[in-house]
Amino acid sequence: MKRKSLAIAVVASLLALSVTGCAITNLLKKEASERVEEVVSEEGEEAAEAASPTKPPAGAKPTKAPSPTATAEPEEEAPLSLVSAQELDSYRQVVRMSGTHGDEEWEMEMVTEFVREPPAQRYVMRVSDETGEETSFETIQIGDPTYIGGGPEGEWMSMTSSESPDLSDTGFIRLEDSFYSDECKYMGKKTVNGLQTRHYHCSEKALLAMPNVGGGVIQDAEGDVWVSTQYDVAVRFIFSWKGKDEDGVAVEGRWESDVTDINKPIKIEAPEGVAAAGLPDDIPMIDGARDVNAMMGMVTFIVDKPVKDVTAYYKSAMPKNGWTFDEGGSMEFMLGFTKGDRTASFILSEEGAATQVTIMVNEE
């Protein structure tokens, strides 16, 4: 467990981080001009006569003058400029990390799938230690509902919040904020992941913008970035570094990322058999409820009404949906209802002029 924690700490700290040819051309033009003037001066009228066009023999076909050959313009160096992958309509990113911490080895892989409309996002994280033991974790967010799964049992839970993060503002890797782009040298163009890209090689100085490894220092680092000419997004990057943590223990790492399926259809679905968290259909939500959160059969919210009004509402509404009020299981700030083998418990607490409500539904 300690070894896993060390590996995750190292990676987490990293995540907190994301010739013109004019002079030559002018010189050649100048030399050519001087040479022509020299020849004309030496040859005089004889050179001028020789330069006069000669009539072709009778019956001869005129010779077509050769077309001028287009001269390729020299490729201009482009400064490294990036935009967030969150500006795209959809994408899939795979990040692979590996390294050592002292004598311990670790590996991590993260997969991110993003769709802007309808809003959905999926994360899968896999971590392996030096023994090869793997731990996985997955989250799926579709609109407000979020599904969380992982562990050896592969169990899932769902949760919903009225304050769920805006999917357009999330993402594991924000490379544009993680290093000094001015320290990256343009290397030319290359096709990567099916897209034309600009390739940049980044020096150690470029990567020193990344947070210190484990609270220590980065001593040696380099990287390469391939940026889509169409989207200005890093569709591939490879960084490697060496350093020491705050205790002086040697740390090495390698960080690779590939972005594919840009603006292509990506299907993100809720896990099979897992319902979105929230109230069941036969338990109504009182009008005006806010700050709604739901998780593992429990729903909480706040409503700007006194406790007595909330109590009166549910004592009236629940029987209309087949629930029976449980006199014995109820008191001033607690209500109980039964329906078949199901129970619904309401806990009410005053929050100034408002009421905080917690509803728990169980099956016996």
Protein backbone atom coordinates (compact mmCIF):
# COMPACT_ATOMS: atom_id res chain seq x y z
CA MET A 1 0.00 0.00 0.00
CA LYS A 2 2.88 2.36 0.81
CA ARG A 3 4.42 1.66 -2.57
CA LYS A 4 1.16 2.41 -4.36
CA SER A 5 0.79 5.63 -2.42
CA LEU A 6 4.27 6.72 -3.42
CA ALA A 7 3.53 5.99 -7.07
CA ILE A 8 0.23 7.79 -7.03
CA ALA A 9 1.75 10.76 -5.19
CA VAL A 10 4.43 11.18 -7.84
CA VAL A 11 1.89 11.02 -10.67
CA ALA A 12 -0.63 13.21 -8.92
CA SER A 13 1.96 15.93 -8.45
CA LEU A 14 2.68 15.86 -12.14
CA LEU A 15 -1.03 16.03 -12.97
CA ALA A 16 -1.40 19.17 -10.86
CA LEU A 17 0.84 20.60 -13.21
CA SER A 18 -0.47 20.37 -18.73
CA VAL A 19 14.87 30.46 -41.12
CA THR A 20 13.66 32.48 -43.32
CA GLY A 21 15.65 32.33 -46.58
CA CYS A 22 15.18 36.01 -47.44
CA ALA A 23 18.80 37.05 -46.73
CA ILE A 24 20.18 34.24 -48.90
CA THR A 25 17.74 35.02 -51.71
CA ASN A 26 18.64 38.71 -51.70
CA LEU A 27 22.35 37.90 -51.78
CA LEU A 28 21.93 35.58 -54.77
CA LYS A 29 19.91 38.25 -56.62
CA LYS A 30 22.63 40.84 -55.97
CA GLU A 31 25.43 38.56 -57.21
CA ALA A 32 23.47 37.61 -60.35
CA SER A 33 22.79 41.27 -61.16
CA GLU A 34 26.47 42.23 -60.80
CA ARG A 35 27.53 39.32 -63.01
CA VAL A 36 25.09 40.31 -65.80
CA GLU A 37 26.37 43.90 -65.78
CA GLU A 38 29.96 42.63 -66.05
CA VAL A 39 29.20 40.42 -69.05
CA VAL A 40 27.28 43.17 -70.88
CA SER A 41 30.11 45.65 -70.31
CA GLU A 42 32.78 43.26 -71.71
CA GLU A 43 30.85 42.08 -74.75
CA GLY A 44 29.40 45.48 -75.77
CA GLU A 45 27.53 45.52 -79.05
CA GLU A 46 28.64 42.01 -79.97
CA ALA A 47 26.91 40.64 -76.92
CA ALA A 48 23.84 42.67 -77.77
CA GLU A 49 23.73 41.28 -81.33
CA ALA A 50 24.21 37.76 -80.05
CA ALA A 51 21.32 38.35 -77.75
CA SER A 52 19.03 39.30 -80.66
CA PRO A 53 16.50 36.60 -81.62
CA THR A 54 17.39 34.51 -84.71
CA LYS A 55 14.70 33.78 -87.28
CA PRO A 56 13.95 30.06 -87.53
CA PRO A 57 14.47 28.29 -90.90
CA ALA A 58 11.50 28.24 -93.31
CA GLY A 59 9.00 25.54 -92.35
CA ALA A 60 10.48 24.99 -88.93
CA LYS A 61 8.04 24.80 -86.02
CA PRO A 62 8.51 27.44 -83.35
CA THR A 63 10.07 26.14 -80.15
CA LYS A 64 7.95 26.63 -77.04
CA ALA A 65 9.74 28.43 -74.27
CA PRO A 66 10.11 26.31 -71.12
CA SER A 67 7.77 27.20 -68.27
CA PRO A 68 9.48 28.67 -65.22
CA THR A 69 9.95 26.19 -62.38
CA ALA A 70 8.18 27.21 -59.16
CA THR A 71 10.59 27.63 -56.29
CA ALA A 72 9.37 26.13 -53.00
CA GLU A 73 9.01 28.70 -50.30
CA PRO A 74 11.07 27.91 -47.23
CA GLU A 75 8.97 26.63 -44.31
CA GLU A 76 8.72 29.27 -41.64
CA GLU A 77 9.26 28.31 -38.04
CA ALA A 78 6.00 28.37 -36.09
CA PRO A 79 5.95 29.18 -32.36
CA LEU A 80 4.37 26.56 -30.11
CA SER A 81 0.75 27.48 -29.41
CA LEU A 82 -1.86 25.24 -27.80
CA VAL A 83 -5.54 25.31 -26.98
CA SER A 84 -7.33 23.03 -24.53
CA ALA A 85 -8.68 19.74 -25.81
CA GLN A 86 -11.92 20.78 -24.12
CA GLU A 87 -12.51 23.13 -27.07
CA LEU A 88 -13.16 20.06 -29.23
CA ASP A 89 -16.56 18.44 -29.79
CA SER A 90 -15.21 15.00 -28.89
CA TYR A 91 -11.91 13.20 -28.38
CA ARG A 92 -10.24 10.18 -26.80
CA GLN A 93 -6.99 10.62 -24.86
CA VAL A 94 -4.74 7.83 -23.60
CA VAL A 95 -2.02 8.82 -21.13
CA ARG A 96 0.64 6.31 -20.09
CA MET A 97 2.98 7.04 -17.20
CA SER A 98 5.78 4.94 -15.79
CA GLY A 99 8.79 5.46 -13.60
CA THR A 100 10.80 4.54 -10.57
CA HIS A 101 10.90 5.88 -7.04
CA GLY A 102 14.08 4.60 -5.48
CA ASP A 103 14.01 0.85 -6.11
CA GLU A 104 10.27 0.78 -6.67
CA GLU A 105 8.64 0.77 -10.12
CA TRP A 106 5.17 1.97 -11.00
CA GLU A 107 2.94 2.30 -14.05
CA MET A 108 -0.28 4.15 -14.69
CA GLU A 109 -2.64 4.47 -17.63
CA MET A 110 -5.51 6.91 -17.93
CA VAL A 111 -8.13 6.93 -20.68
CA THR A 112 -10.38 9.95 -21.15
CA GLU A 113 -13.36 10.04 -23.52
CA PHE A 114 -15.18 13.33 -23.99
CA VAL A 115 -18.36 14.31 -25.84
CA ARG A 116 -19.63 17.88 -25.76
CA GLU A 117 -23.23 17.28 -26.90
CA PRO A 118 -25.00 15.63 -25.26
CA PRO A 119 -22.46 16.21 -22.46
CA ALA A 120 -20.70 13.04 -21.35
CA GLN A 121 -17.27 12.02 -20.13
CA ARG A 122 -15.59 8.77 -19.12
CA TYR A 123 -12.37 8.22 -17.15
CA VAL A 124 -10.56 4.94 -16.65
CA MET A 125 -7.46 4.81 -14.45
CA ARG A 126 -5.23 1.75 -14.03
CA VAL A 127 -2.26 1.66 -11.65
CA SER A 128 0.31 -1.15 -11.38
CA ASP A 129 3.05 -1.53 -8.77
CA GLU A 130 6.37 -3.36 -9.01
CA THR A 131 4.66 -6.69 -8.26
CA GLY A 132 2.38 -6.28 -11.28
CA GLU A 133 -0.71 -5.91 -9.10
CA GLU A 134 -3.21 -3.63 -10.85
CA THR A 135 -5.82 -1.36 -9.35
CA SER A 136 -8.48 0.18 -11.59
CA PHE A 137 -10.99 2.95 -11.14
CA GLU A 138 -13.62 4.30 -13.53
CA THR A 139 -16.05 7.20 -13.56
CA ILE A 140 -18.74 8.00 -16.10
CA GLN A 141 -20.62 11.28 -16.10
CA ILE A 142 -23.62 11.72 -18.40
CA GLY A 143 -25.14 15.13 -17.79
CA ASP A 144 -25.62 15.36 -14.02
CA PRO A 145 -25.54 11.65 -13.03
CA THR A 146 -22.12 10.21 -12.24
CA TYR A 147 -21.31 6.49 -12.01
CA ILE A 148 -18.27 5.27 -10.08
CA GLY A 149 -16.88 1.75 -10.33
CA GLY A 150 -13.75 -0.26 -9.77
CA GLY A 151 -12.00 -2.46 -7.27
CA PRO A 152 -11.74 -6.25 -7.26
CA GLU A 153 -15.51 -6.74 -7.08
CA GLY A 154 -16.26 -4.44 -9.99
CA GLU A 155 -19.16 -2.85 -8.13
CA TRP A 156 -20.77 0.39 -9.27
CA MET A 157 -22.46 3.22 -7.44
CA SER A 158 -24.21 6.26 -8.82
CA MET A 159 -24.55 9.82 -7.58
CA THR A 160 -26.25 12.98 -8.76
CA SER A 161 -25.66 16.57 -7.77
CA SER A 162 -27.24 19.83 -8.85
CA GLU A 163 -23.70 21.21 -8.57
CA SER A 164 -22.05 18.67 -10.84
CA PRO A 165 -18.99 20.12 -12.58
CA ASP A 166 -19.39 21.56 -16.05
CA LEU A 167 -18.00 18.89 -18.35
CA SER A 168 -16.51 21.53 -20.64
CA ASP A 169 -14.24 22.62 -17.76
CA THR A 170 -12.87 19.21 -16.83
CA GLY A 171 -10.13 16.98 -18.16
CA PHE A 172 -7.10 15.14 -16.86
CA ILE A 173 -4.41 16.78 -18.93
CA ARG A 174 -4.06 20.50 -19.59
CA LEU A 175 -0.73 20.51 -21.35
CA GLU A 176 -0.99 24.18 -22.27
CA ASP A 177 -0.50 25.10 -18.60
CA SER A 178 2.26 22.62 -17.80
CA PHE A 179 5.45 23.93 -19.36
CA TYR A 180 7.23 26.93 -20.89
CA SER A 181 6.39 26.79 -24.59
CA ASP A 182 9.04 29.41 -25.45
CA GLU A 183 11.71 26.83 -24.65
CA CYS A 184 10.47 24.39 -27.32
CA LYS A 185 12.18 24.31 -30.75
CA TYR A 186 10.23 23.79 -33.96
CA MET A 187 11.41 20.64 -35.77
CA GLY A 188 9.13 20.51 -38.83
CA LYS A 189 5.87 18.86 -39.84
CA LYS A 190 4.83 15.23 -39.49
CA THR A 191 1.64 13.15 -39.72
CA VAL A 192 0.71 11.78 -36.28
CA ASN A 193 -2.50 9.95 -35.33
CA GLY A 194 -3.84 10.65 -38.81
CA LEU A 195 -3.37 14.44 -38.55
CA GLN A 196 -0.77 16.84 -39.89
CA THR A 197 1.21 18.20 -36.96
CA ARG A 198 3.98 20.60 -36.04
CA HIS A 199 6.74 18.84 -34.11
CA TYR A 200 8.56 20.61 -31.26
CA HIS A 201 11.44 19.43 -29.10
CA CYS A 202 11.36 20.85 -25.59
CA SER A 203 14.42 21.36 -23.46
CA GLU A 204 14.82 20.90 -19.74
CA LYS A 205 13.98 24.58 -19.22
CA ALA A 206 10.58 24.07 -20.87
CA LEU A 207 9.61 21.36 -18.41
CA LEU A 208 10.72 23.18 -15.28
CA ALA A 209 7.28 24.80 -15.22
CA MET A 210 5.93 21.45 -14.05
CA PRO A 211 5.52 21.13 -10.27
CA ASN A 212 8.40 19.56 -8.38
CA VAL A 213 8.36 15.77 -8.27
CA GLY A 214 7.18 14.64 -4.83
CA GLY A 215 8.15 18.01 -3.39
CA GLY A 216 11.71 17.62 -4.71
CA VAL A 217 13.41 18.88 -7.85
CA ILE A 218 13.63 17.95 -11.54
CA GLN A 219 17.31 17.64 -12.44
CA ASP A 220 17.13 16.52 -16.07
CA ALA A 221 14.23 16.49 -18.51
CA GLU A 222 13.27 16.68 -22.18
CA GLY A 223 10.19 16.22 -24.27
CA ASP A 224 8.57 16.25 -27.69
CA VAL A 225 5.18 17.64 -28.63
CA TRP A 226 3.21 17.13 -31.85
CA VAL A 227 0.52 19.80 -32.34
CA SER A 228 -2.31 19.46 -34.85
CA THR A 229 -2.13 22.18 -37.50
CA GLN A 230 -5.93 22.04 -37.74
CA TYR A 231 -6.94 22.07 -34.08
CA ASP A 232 -3.85 23.49 -32.26
CA VAL A 233 -4.14 20.58 -29.82
CA ALA A 234 -1.25 18.36 -28.74
CA VAL A 235 -2.24 15.06 -30.35
CA ARG A 236 0.91 13.44 -28.96
CA PHE A 237 3.53 14.31 -26.40
CA ILE A 238 6.36 12.39 -24.74
CA PHE A 239 8.15 13.77 -21.67
CA SER A 240 10.85 12.13 -19.58
CA TRP A 241 12.57 13.41 -16.46
CA LYS A 242 14.94 12.57 -13.63
CA GLY A 243 15.06 14.15 -10.23
CA LYS A 244 14.89 13.65 -6.47
CA ASP A 245 12.02 13.83 -4.07
CA GLU A 246 12.06 15.93 -0.90
CA ASP A 247 13.91 13.13 0.93
CA GLY A 248 16.63 12.93 -1.72
CA VAL A 249 15.36 9.65 -3.19
CA ALA A 250 15.98 9.33 -6.94
CA VAL A 251 12.90 9.60 -9.13
CA GLU A 252 12.58 8.88 -12.87
CA GLY A 253 9.52 9.08 -15.05
CA ARG A 254 8.12 8.98 -18.55
CA TRP A 255 4.85 10.55 -19.60
CA GLU A 256 3.21 9.77 -22.96
CA SER A 257 -0.11 10.95 -24.38
CA ASP A 258 -2.05 10.33 -27.57
CA VAL A 259 -5.27 12.11 -28.58
CA THR A 260 -7.41 10.44 -31.25
CA ASP A 261 -10.97 10.40 -32.60
CA ILE A 262 -11.14 14.19 -32.63
CA ASN A 263 -14.69 15.37 -33.41
CA LYS A 264 -15.72 11.80 -34.26
CA PRO A 265 -18.70 9.90 -32.79
CA ILE A 266 -17.91 8.44 -29.36
CA LYS A 267 -20.57 6.49 -27.45
CA ILE A 268 -20.55 6.88 -23.67
CA GLU A 269 -23.20 4.91 -21.77
CA ALA A 270 -24.15 4.27 -18.17
CA PRO A 271 -23.00 0.88 -16.81
CA GLU A 272 -25.51 -1.85 -17.48
CA GLY A 273 -28.02 -2.44 -14.72
CA VAL A 274 -27.05 0.63 -12.68
CA ALA A 275 -29.82 3.21 -12.28
CA ALA A 276 -29.08 6.90 -11.91
CA ALA A 277 -29.17 8.04 -8.30
CA GLY A 278 -32.23 9.97 -7.25
CA LEU A 279 -35.70 9.57 -5.84
CA PRO A 280 -37.79 6.67 -7.14
CA ASP A 281 -40.78 7.56 -9.24
CA ASP A 282 -43.24 7.07 -6.38
CA ILE A 283 -41.56 9.59 -4.04
CA PRO A 284 -42.14 13.18 -5.20
CA MET A 285 -39.63 16.01 -4.97
CA ILE A 286 -41.09 19.01 -3.20
CA ASP A 287 -41.27 22.20 -5.30
CA GLY A 288 -38.39 24.60 -4.70
CA ALA A 289 -35.83 21.93 -3.74
CA ARG A 290 -32.23 23.04 -4.31
CA ASP A 291 -28.70 21.77 -3.67
CA VAL A 292 -29.96 18.28 -4.52
CA ASN A 293 -27.52 15.39 -4.03
CA ALA A 294 -28.18 11.69 -4.41
CA MET A 295 -25.96 8.73 -3.62
CA MET A 296 -26.44 5.06 -2.69
CA GLY A 297 -30.14 5.20 -1.94
CA MET A 298 -29.97 8.51 -0.11
CA VAL A 299 -31.14 11.92 -1.37
CA THR A 300 -30.52 15.26 0.35
CA PHE A 301 -31.75 18.73 -0.53
CA ILE A 302 -32.69 22.10 0.95
CA VAL A 303 -36.03 23.82 0.50
CA ASP A 304 -36.97 27.33 1.58
CA LYS A 305 -39.92 26.22 3.71
CA PRO A 306 -40.31 25.60 7.44
CA VAL A 307 -40.19 22.05 8.80
CA LYS A 308 -43.94 21.98 9.47
CA ASP A 309 -44.74 22.77 5.81
CA VAL A 310 -42.38 20.06 4.52
CA THR A 311 -43.88 17.57 6.97
CA ALA A 312 -47.41 18.43 5.87
CA TYR A 313 -46.46 18.10 2.18
CA TYR A 314 -45.02 14.58 2.47
CA LYS A 315 -47.74 13.32 4.86
CA SER A 316 -50.21 14.31 2.13
CA ALA A 317 -48.24 13.33 -1.01
CA MET A 318 -46.82 9.95 -0.03
CA PRO A 319 -50.16 8.13 0.58
CA LYS A 320 -51.28 9.25 -2.89
CA ASN A 321 -48.46 7.10 -4.29
CA GLY A 322 -49.34 4.02 -2.25
CA TRP A 323 -47.19 4.69 0.84
CA THR A 324 -48.50 4.19 4.39
CA PHE A 325 -47.50 6.63 7.11
CA ASP A 326 -45.68 4.86 9.97
CA GLU A 327 -46.88 6.47 13.18
CA GLY A 328 -44.51 4.46 15.37
CA GLY A 329 -41.46 5.36 13.30
CA SER A 330 -42.19 9.07 13.12
CA MET A 331 -41.55 12.05 15.36
CA GLU A 332 -41.26 15.84 14.99
CA PHE A 333 -38.17 15.84 12.77
CA MET A 334 -38.49 12.33 11.36
CA LEU A 335 -41.08 10.72 9.11
CA GLY A 336 -41.45 7.06 8.19
CA PHE A 337 -43.44 5.38 5.42
CA THR A 338 -43.82 1.79 4.23
CA LYS A 339 -44.85 0.25 0.93
CA GLY A 340 -44.68 -3.52 0.60
CA ASP A 341 -41.15 -4.53 1.58
CA ARG A 342 -39.82 -0.99 1.14
CA THR A 343 -39.32 1.72 3.73
CA ALA A 344 -38.76 5.46 3.26
CA SER A 345 -37.32 7.55 6.07
CA PHE A 346 -37.30 11.36 6.10
CA ILE A 347 -34.99 13.33 8.39
CA LEU A 348 -35.79 17.07 8.61
CA SER A 349 -33.56 19.72 10.15
CA GLU A 350 -33.94 23.46 10.34
CA GLU A 351 -31.47 25.62 8.40
CA GLY A 352 -32.55 29.12 9.40
CA ALA A 353 -35.81 29.77 7.55
CA ALA A 354 -35.16 26.71 5.33
CA THR A 355 -35.28 22.96 5.89
CA GLN A 356 -32.66 20.38 5.01
CA VAL A 357 -34.21 17.09 4.00
CA THR A 358 -32.57 13.65 3.90
CA ILE A 359 -34.56 10.78 2.36
CA MET A 360 -33.39 7.16 2.63
CA VAL A 361 -35.13 4.35 0.78
CA ASN A 362 -34.49 0.69 1.68
CA GLU A 363 -35.80 -2.71 0.70
CA GLU A 364 -36.13 -5.37 3.38
